[in-house]
């Protein structure tokens, strides 16, 4: 169970960080530009984070809660 709880913690922290990014950074979108897609990998991450912001936070908090229950049960 320790390995599973550790995996849940790692994935949960990653997903929560992805869900928090839209609160910190602006959406990388240019209205006047011909091509308004992501210019680099960081902008792609921000666009993906904006698309599923609520879901990423909900899933991440759930995974962290489940891993917390594993640690408290032990």
PDB file of N, CA and C in Angstrom:
ATOM      1  N   UNK A   1       0.807  -1.199   0.000  1.00  0.00           N
ATOM      2  CA  UNK A   1       0.000   0.000   0.000  1.00  0.00           C
ATOM      3  C   UNK A   1       0.852   1.265   0.000  1.00  0.00           C
ATOM      4  N   UNK A   2       2.070   1.170   0.534  1.00  0.00           N
ATOM      5  CA  UNK A   2       2.922   2.360   0.567  1.00  0.00           C
ATOM      6  C   UNK A   2       3.273   2.839  -0.831  1.00  0.00           C
ATOM      7  N   UNK A   3       3.544   1.906  -1.737  1.00  0.00           N
ATOM      8  CA  UNK A   3       3.885   2.299  -3.102  1.00  0.00           C
ATOM      9  C   UNK A   3       2.698   2.945  -3.791  1.00  0.00           C
ATOM     10  N   UNK A   4       1.531   2.382  -3.580  1.00  0.00           N
ATOM     11  CA  UNK A   4       0.328   2.943  -4.183  1.00  0.00           C
ATOM     12  C   UNK A   4       0.042   4.335  -3.626  1.00  0.00           C
ATOM     13  N   UNK A   5       0.201   4.510  -2.338  1.00  0.00           N
ATOM     14  CA  UNK A   5      -0.015   5.816  -1.720  1.00  0.00           C
ATOM     15  C   UNK A   5       1.010   6.827  -2.237  1.00  0.00           C
ATOM     16  N   UNK A   6       2.244   6.393  -2.409  1.00  0.00           N
ATOM     17  CA  UNK A   6       3.271   7.290  -2.930  1.00  0.00           C
ATOM     18  C   UNK A   6       2.967   7.701  -4.363  1.00  0.00           C
ATOM     19  N   UNK A   7       2.505   6.756  -5.173  1.00  0.00           N
ATOM     20  CA  UNK A   7       2.125   7.070  -6.554  1.00  0.00           C
ATOM     21  C   UNK A   7       0.960   8.054  -6.569  1.00  0.00           C
ATOM     22  N   UNK A   8      -0.024   7.852  -5.690  1.00  0.00           N
ATOM     23  CA  UNK A   8      -1.153   8.779  -5.600  1.00  0.00           C
ATOM     24  C   UNK A   8      -0.689  10.168  -5.202  1.00  0.00           C
ATOM     25  N   UNK A   9       0.259  10.256  -4.298  1.00  0.00           N
ATOM     26  CA  UNK A   9       0.782  11.564  -3.873  1.00  0.00           C
ATOM     27  C   UNK A   9       1.473  12.268  -5.031  1.00  0.00           C
ATOM     28  N   UNK A  10       2.311  11.550  -5.750  1.00  0.00           N
ATOM     29  CA  UNK A  10       3.051  12.153  -6.856  1.00  0.00           C
ATOM     30  C   UNK A  10       2.100  12.613  -7.958  1.00  0.00           C
ATOM     31  N   UNK A  11       1.188  11.744  -8.360  1.00  0.00           N
ATOM     32  CA  UNK A  11       0.240  12.111  -9.411  1.00  0.00           C
ATOM     33  C   UNK A  11      -0.693  13.223  -8.929  1.00  0.00           C
ATOM     34  N   UNK A  12      -1.143  13.132  -7.681  1.00  0.00           N
ATOM     35  CA  UNK A  12      -2.022  14.156  -7.124  1.00  0.00           C
ATOM     36  C   UNK A  12      -1.372  15.523  -7.083  1.00  0.00           C
ATOM     37  N   UNK A  13      -0.118  15.592  -6.669  1.00  0.00           N
ATOM     38  CA  UNK A  13       0.593  16.875  -6.637  1.00  0.00           C
ATOM     39  C   UNK A  13       0.793  17.441  -8.036  1.00  0.00           C
ATOM     40  N   UNK A  14       1.106  16.572  -8.990  1.00  0.00           N
ATOM     41  CA  UNK A  14       1.273  17.029 -10.374  1.00  0.00           C
ATOM     42  C   UNK A  14      -0.030  17.587 -10.925  1.00  0.00           C
ATOM     43  N   UNK A  15      -1.128  16.887 -10.692  1.00  0.00           N
ATOM     44  CA  UNK A  15      -2.414  17.308 -11.230  1.00  0.00           C
ATOM     45  C   UNK A  15      -2.907  18.580 -10.532  1.00  0.00           C
ATOM     46  N   UNK A  16      -2.680  18.701  -9.227  1.00  0.00           N
ATOM     47  CA  UNK A  16      -3.069  19.921  -8.515  1.00  0.00           C
ATOM     48  C   UNK A  16      -2.251  21.106  -9.024  1.00  0.00           C
ATOM     49  N   UNK A  17      -0.959  20.908  -9.235  1.00  0.00           N
ATOM     50  CA  UNK A  17      -0.130  21.993  -9.785  1.00  0.00           C
ATOM     51  C   UNK A  17      -0.620  22.404 -11.167  1.00  0.00           C
ATOM     52  N   UNK A  18      -1.035  21.436 -11.971  1.00  0.00           N
ATOM     53  CA  UNK A  18      -1.582  21.749 -13.288  1.00  0.00           C
ATOM     54  C   UNK A  18      -2.889  22.519 -13.173  1.00  0.00           C
ATOM     55  N   UNK A  19      -3.694  22.200 -12.179  1.00  0.00           N
ATOM     56  CA  UNK A  19      -4.958  22.902 -11.984  1.00  0.00           C
ATOM     57  C   UNK A  19      -4.799  24.297 -11.407  1.00  0.00           C
ATOM     58  N   UNK A  20      -3.697  24.556 -10.732  1.00  0.00           N
ATOM     59  CA  UNK A  20      -3.459  25.866 -10.121  1.00  0.00           C
ATOM     60  C   UNK A  20      -2.830  26.854 -11.108  1.00  0.00           C
ATOM     61  N   UNK A  21      -2.203  26.363 -12.157  1.00  0.00           N
ATOM     62  CA  UNK A  21      -1.527  27.241 -13.116  1.00  0.00           C
ATOM     63  C   UNK A  21      -2.424  28.337 -13.688  1.00  0.00           C
ATOM     64  N   UNK A  22      -3.687  28.076 -14.029  1.00  0.00           N
ATOM     65  CA  UNK A  22      -4.521  29.159 -14.570  1.00  0.00           C
ATOM     66  C   UNK A  22      -4.774  30.304 -13.597  1.00  0.00           C
ATOM     67  N   UNK A  23      -4.654  30.044 -12.302  1.00  0.00           N
ATOM     68  CA  UNK A  23      -4.819  31.117 -11.325  1.00  0.00           C
ATOM     69  C   UNK A  23      -3.586  32.019 -11.257  1.00  0.00           C
ATOM     70  N   UNK A  24      -2.451  31.516 -11.727  1.00  0.00           N
ATOM     71  CA  UNK A  24      -1.194  32.257 -11.631  1.00  0.00           C
ATOM     72  C   UNK A  24      -0.840  32.955 -12.943  1.00  0.00           C
ATOM     73  N   UNK A  25      -1.016  32.267 -14.080  1.00  0.00           N
ATOM     74  CA  UNK A  25      -0.580  32.790 -15.370  1.00  0.00           C
ATOM     75  C   UNK A  25      -1.774  33.097 -16.268  1.00  0.00           C
ATOM     76  N   UNK A  26      -1.599  34.084 -17.136  1.00  0.00           N
ATOM     77  CA  UNK A  26      -2.650  34.454 -18.083  1.00  0.00           C
ATOM     78  C   UNK A  26      -2.707  33.445 -19.229  1.00  0.00           C
ATOM     79  N   UNK A  27      -3.863  33.416 -19.884  1.00  0.00           N
ATOM     80  CA  UNK A  27      -4.052  32.511 -21.020  1.00  0.00           C
ATOM     81  C   UNK A  27      -3.198  32.977 -22.192  1.00  0.00           C
ATOM     82  N   UNK A  28      -2.385  32.106 -22.776  1.00  0.00           N
ATOM     83  CA  UNK A  28      -1.496  32.518 -23.873  1.00  0.00           C
ATOM     84  C   UNK A  28      -2.242  32.558 -25.200  1.00  0.00           C
ATOM     85  N   UNK A  29      -2.980  33.613 -25.416  1.00  0.00           N
ATOM     86  CA  UNK A  29      -3.808  33.720 -26.613  1.00  0.00           C
ATOM     87  C   UNK A  29      -3.648  35.104 -27.205  1.00  0.00           C
ATOM     88  N   UNK A  30      -3.461  35.180 -28.478  1.00  0.00           N
ATOM     89  CA  UNK A  30      -3.295  36.457 -29.170  1.00  0.00           C
ATOM     90  C   UNK A  30      -4.459  36.641 -30.140  1.00  0.00           C
ATOM     91  N   UNK A  31      -5.283  37.653 -29.911  1.00  0.00           N
ATOM     92  CA  UNK A  31      -6.463  37.877 -30.733  1.00  0.00           C
ATOM     93  C   UNK A  31      -6.091  38.416 -32.114  1.00  0.00           C
ATOM     94  N   UNK A  32      -5.096  39.276 -32.183  1.00  0.00           N
ATOM     95  CA  UNK A  32      -4.728  39.926 -33.439  1.00  0.00           C
ATOM     96  C   UNK A  32      -3.770  39.101 -34.300  1.00  0.00           C
ATOM     97  N   UNK A  33      -3.293  37.990 -33.787  1.00  0.00           N
ATOM     98  CA  UNK A  33      -2.324  37.181 -34.523  1.00  0.00           C
ATOM     99  C   UNK A  33      -3.027  36.234 -35.495  1.00  0.00           C
ATOM    100  N   UNK A  34      -2.315  35.888 -36.568  1.00  0.00           N
ATOM    101  CA  UNK A  34      -2.858  34.924 -37.531  1.00  0.00           C
ATOM    102  C   UNK A  34      -2.905  33.528 -36.922  1.00  0.00           C
ATOM    103  N   UNK A  35      -1.852  33.171 -36.266  1.00  0.00           N
ATOM    104  CA  UNK A  35      -1.764  31.858 -35.637  1.00  0.00           C
ATOM    105  C   UNK A  35      -1.823  32.057 -34.131  1.00  0.00           C
ATOM    106  N   UNK A  36      -2.866  31.580 -33.508  1.00  0.00           N
ATOM    107  CA  UNK A  36      -3.033  31.831 -32.078  1.00  0.00           C
ATOM    108  C   UNK A  36      -2.817  30.585 -31.244  1.00  0.00           C
ATOM    109  N   UNK A  37      -2.146  29.611 -31.783  1.00  0.00           N
ATOM    110  CA  UNK A  37      -1.858  28.391 -31.030  1.00  0.00           C
ATOM    111  C   UNK A  37      -0.649  28.583 -30.139  1.00  0.00           C
ATOM    112  N   UNK A  38      -0.259  27.526 -29.451  1.00  0.00           N
ATOM    113  CA  UNK A  38       0.888  27.637 -28.552  1.00  0.00           C
ATOM    114  C   UNK A  38       2.190  27.818 -29.332  1.00  0.00           C
ATOM    115  N   UNK A  39       3.008  28.719 -28.832  1.00  0.00           N
ATOM    116  CA  UNK A  39       4.290  28.984 -29.472  1.00  0.00           C
ATOM    117  C   UNK A  39       5.398  28.094 -28.961  1.00  0.00           C
ATOM    118  N   UNK A  40       5.228  27.551 -27.779  1.00  0.00           N
ATOM    119  CA  UNK A  40       6.226  26.660 -27.205  1.00  0.00           C
ATOM    120  C   UNK A  40       5.533  25.679 -26.253  1.00  0.00           C
ATOM    121  N   UNK A  41       6.307  24.833 -25.625  1.00  0.00           N
ATOM    122  CA  UNK A  41       5.756  23.782 -24.774  1.00  0.00           C
ATOM    123  C   UNK A  41       5.073  24.366 -23.532  1.00  0.00           C
ATOM    124  N   UNK A  42       5.610  25.434 -22.972  1.00  0.00           N
ATOM    125  CA  UNK A  42       5.015  26.053 -21.787  1.00  0.00           C
ATOM    126  C   UNK A  42       3.619  26.606 -22.095  1.00  0.00           C
ATOM    127  N   UNK A  43       3.459  27.241 -23.249  1.00  0.00           N
ATOM    128  CA  UNK A  43       2.142  27.745 -23.628  1.00  0.00           C
ATOM    129  C   UNK A  43       1.156  26.609 -23.857  1.00  0.00           C
ATOM    130  N   UNK A  44       1.634  25.492 -24.374  1.00  0.00           N
ATOM    131  CA  UNK A  44       0.775  24.323 -24.545  1.00  0.00           C
ATOM    132  C   UNK A  44       0.309  23.800 -23.191  1.00  0.00           C
ATOM    133  N   UNK A  45       1.202  23.754 -22.212  1.00  0.00           N
ATOM    134  CA  UNK A  45       0.831  23.319 -20.863  1.00  0.00           C
ATOM    135  C   UNK A  45      -0.218  24.259 -20.275  1.00  0.00           C
ATOM    136  N   UNK A  46      -0.039  25.563 -20.456  1.00  0.00           N
ATOM    137  CA  UNK A  46      -1.014  26.525 -19.948  1.00  0.00           C
ATOM    138  C   UNK A  46      -2.370  26.371 -20.617  1.00  0.00           C
ATOM    139  N   UNK A  47      -2.383  26.129 -21.913  1.00  0.00           N
ATOM    140  CA  UNK A  47      -3.658  25.937 -22.611  1.00  0.00           C
ATOM    141  C   UNK A  47      -4.371  24.679 -22.120  1.00  0.00           C
ATOM    142  N   UNK A  48      -3.627  23.607 -21.913  1.00  0.00           N
ATOM    143  CA  UNK A  48      -4.222  22.369 -21.391  1.00  0.00           C
ATOM    144  C   UNK A  48      -4.728  22.595 -19.970  1.00  0.00           C
ATOM    145  N   UNK A  49      -3.985  23.346 -19.181  1.00  0.00           N
ATOM    146  CA  UNK A  49      -4.402  23.636 -17.810  1.00  0.00           C
ATOM    147  C   UNK A  49      -5.684  24.461 -17.783  1.00  0.00           C
ATOM    148  N   UNK A  50      -5.833  25.394 -18.698  1.00  0.00           N
ATOM    149  CA  UNK A  50      -7.047  26.199 -18.754  1.00  0.00           C
ATOM    150  C   UNK A  50      -8.252  25.381 -19.184  1.00  0.00           C
ATOM    151  N   UNK A  51      -8.047  24.390 -20.029  1.00  0.00           N
ATOM    152  CA  UNK A  51      -9.162  23.597 -20.535  1.00  0.00           C
ATOM    153  C   UNK A  51      -9.802  22.732 -19.445  1.00  0.00           C
ATOM    154  N   UNK A  52      -9.005  22.190 -18.539  1.00  0.00           N
ATOM    155  CA  UNK A  52      -9.562  21.284 -17.538  1.00  0.00           C
ATOM    156  C   UNK A  52      -9.275  21.699 -16.119  1.00  0.00           C
ATOM    157  N   UNK A  53      -9.273  22.987 -15.875  1.00  0.00           N
ATOM    158  CA  UNK A  53      -8.865  23.533 -14.582  1.00  0.00           C
ATOM    159  C   UNK A  53      -9.625  22.924 -13.405  1.00  0.00           C
ATOM    160  N   UNK A  54     -10.938  22.918 -13.437  1.00  0.00           N
ATOM    161  CA  UNK A  54     -11.734  22.408 -12.320  1.00  0.00           C
ATOM    162  C   UNK A  54     -11.529  20.906 -12.152  1.00  0.00           C
ATOM    163  N   UNK A  55     -11.471  20.193 -13.268  1.00  0.00           N
ATOM    164  CA  UNK A  55     -11.303  18.745 -13.187  1.00  0.00           C
ATOM    165  C   UNK A  55      -9.934  18.379 -12.625  1.00  0.00           C
ATOM    166  N   UNK A  56      -8.900  19.097 -13.021  1.00  0.00           N
ATOM    167  CA  UNK A  56      -7.563  18.807 -12.501  1.00  0.00           C
ATOM    168  C   UNK A  56      -7.504  19.027 -11.001  1.00  0.00           C
ATOM    169  N   UNK A  57      -8.105  20.100 -10.533  1.00  0.00           N
ATOM    170  CA  UNK A  57      -8.109  20.354  -9.094  1.00  0.00           C
ATOM    171  C   UNK A  57      -8.893  19.289  -8.344  1.00  0.00           C
ATOM    172  N   UNK A  58     -10.055  18.914  -8.862  1.00  0.00           N
ATOM    173  CA  UNK A  58     -10.888  17.912  -8.192  1.00  0.00           C
ATOM    174  C   UNK A  58     -10.206  16.554  -8.151  1.00  0.00           C
ATOM    175  N   UNK A  59      -9.633  16.129  -9.264  1.00  0.00           N
ATOM    176  CA  UNK A  59      -8.965  14.828  -9.311  1.00  0.00           C
ATOM    177  C   UNK A  59      -7.721  14.834  -8.431  1.00  0.00           C
ATOM    178  N   UNK A  60      -6.945  15.909  -8.468  1.00  0.00           N
ATOM    179  CA  UNK A  60      -5.733  15.988  -7.653  1.00  0.00           C
ATOM    180  C   UNK A  60      -6.028  15.971  -6.164  1.00  0.00           C
ATOM    181  N   UNK A  61      -7.029  16.727  -5.747  1.00  0.00           N
ATOM    182  CA  UNK A  61      -7.389  16.751  -4.323  1.00  0.00           C
ATOM    183  C   UNK A  61      -7.929  15.392  -3.888  1.00  0.00           C
ATOM    184  N   UNK A  62      -8.672  14.730  -4.762  1.00  0.00           N
ATOM    185  CA  UNK A  62      -9.167  13.391  -4.447  1.00  0.00           C
ATOM    186  C   UNK A  62      -8.022  12.401  -4.282  1.00  0.00           C
ATOM    187  N   UNK A  63      -7.060  12.435  -5.182  1.00  0.00           N
ATOM    188  CA  UNK A  63      -5.912  11.534  -5.070  1.00  0.00           C
ATOM    189  C   UNK A  63      -5.099  11.815  -3.805  1.00  0.00           C
ATOM    190  N   UNK A  64      -4.923  13.074  -3.480  1.00  0.00           N
ATOM    191  CA  UNK A  64      -4.194  13.403  -2.245  1.00  0.00           C
ATOM    192  C   UNK A  64      -4.969  12.958  -1.008  1.00  0.00           C
ATOM    193  N   UNK A  65      -6.283  13.051  -1.049  1.00  0.00           N
ATOM    194  CA  UNK A  65      -7.100  12.587   0.076  1.00  0.00           C
ATOM    195  C   UNK A  65      -7.015  11.076   0.237  1.00  0.00           C
ATOM    196  N   UNK A  66      -7.064  10.359  -0.868  1.00  0.00           N
ATOM    197  CA  UNK A  66      -6.960   8.898  -0.811  1.00  0.00           C
ATOM    198  C   UNK A  66      -5.602   8.483  -0.265  1.00  0.00           C
ATOM    199  N   UNK A  67      -4.541   9.131  -0.713  1.00  0.00           N
ATOM    200  CA  UNK A  67      -3.213   8.789  -0.207  1.00  0.00           C
ATOM    201  C   UNK A  67      -3.079   9.162   1.268  1.00  0.00           C
ATOM    202  N   UNK A  68      -3.727  10.252   1.680  1.00  0.00           N
ATOM    203  CA  UNK A  68      -3.720  10.608   3.104  1.00  0.00           C
ATOM    204  C   UNK A  68      -4.411   9.555   3.946  1.00  0.00           C
ATOM    205  N   UNK A  69      -5.487   8.985   3.422  1.00  0.00           N
ATOM    206  CA  UNK A  69      -6.164   7.904   4.147  1.00  0.00           C
ATOM    207  C   UNK A  69      -5.281   6.674   4.264  1.00  0.00           C
ATOM    208  N   UNK A  70      -4.503   6.378   3.207  1.00  0.00           N
ATOM    209  CA  UNK A  70      -3.566   5.247   3.272  1.00  0.00           C
ATOM    210  C   UNK A  70      -2.523   5.478   4.351  1.00  0.00           C
ATOM    211  N   UNK A  71      -1.995   6.682   4.437  1.00  0.00           N
ATOM    212  CA  UNK A  71      -0.969   6.974   5.429  1.00  0.00           C
ATOM    213  C   UNK A  71      -1.541   6.979   6.843  1.00  0.00           C
ATOM    214  N   UNK A  72      -2.760   7.479   7.016  1.00  0.00           N
ATOM    215  CA  UNK A  72      -3.359   7.497   8.345  1.00  0.00           C
ATOM    216  C   UNK A  72      -3.782   6.104   8.794  1.00  0.00           C
ATOM    217  N   UNK A  73      -4.171   5.265   7.856  1.00  0.00           N
ATOM    218  CA  UNK A  73      -4.552   3.900   8.177  1.00  0.00           C
ATOM    219  C   UNK A  73      -3.363   3.101   8.660  1.00  0.00           C
ATOM    220  N   UNK A  74      -2.203   3.430   8.154  1.00  0.00           N
ATOM    221  CA  UNK A  74      -0.987   2.732   8.536  1.00  0.00           C
ATOM    222  C   UNK A  74      -0.596   3.183   9.906  1.00  0.00           C
TER     223      UNK A  74
END
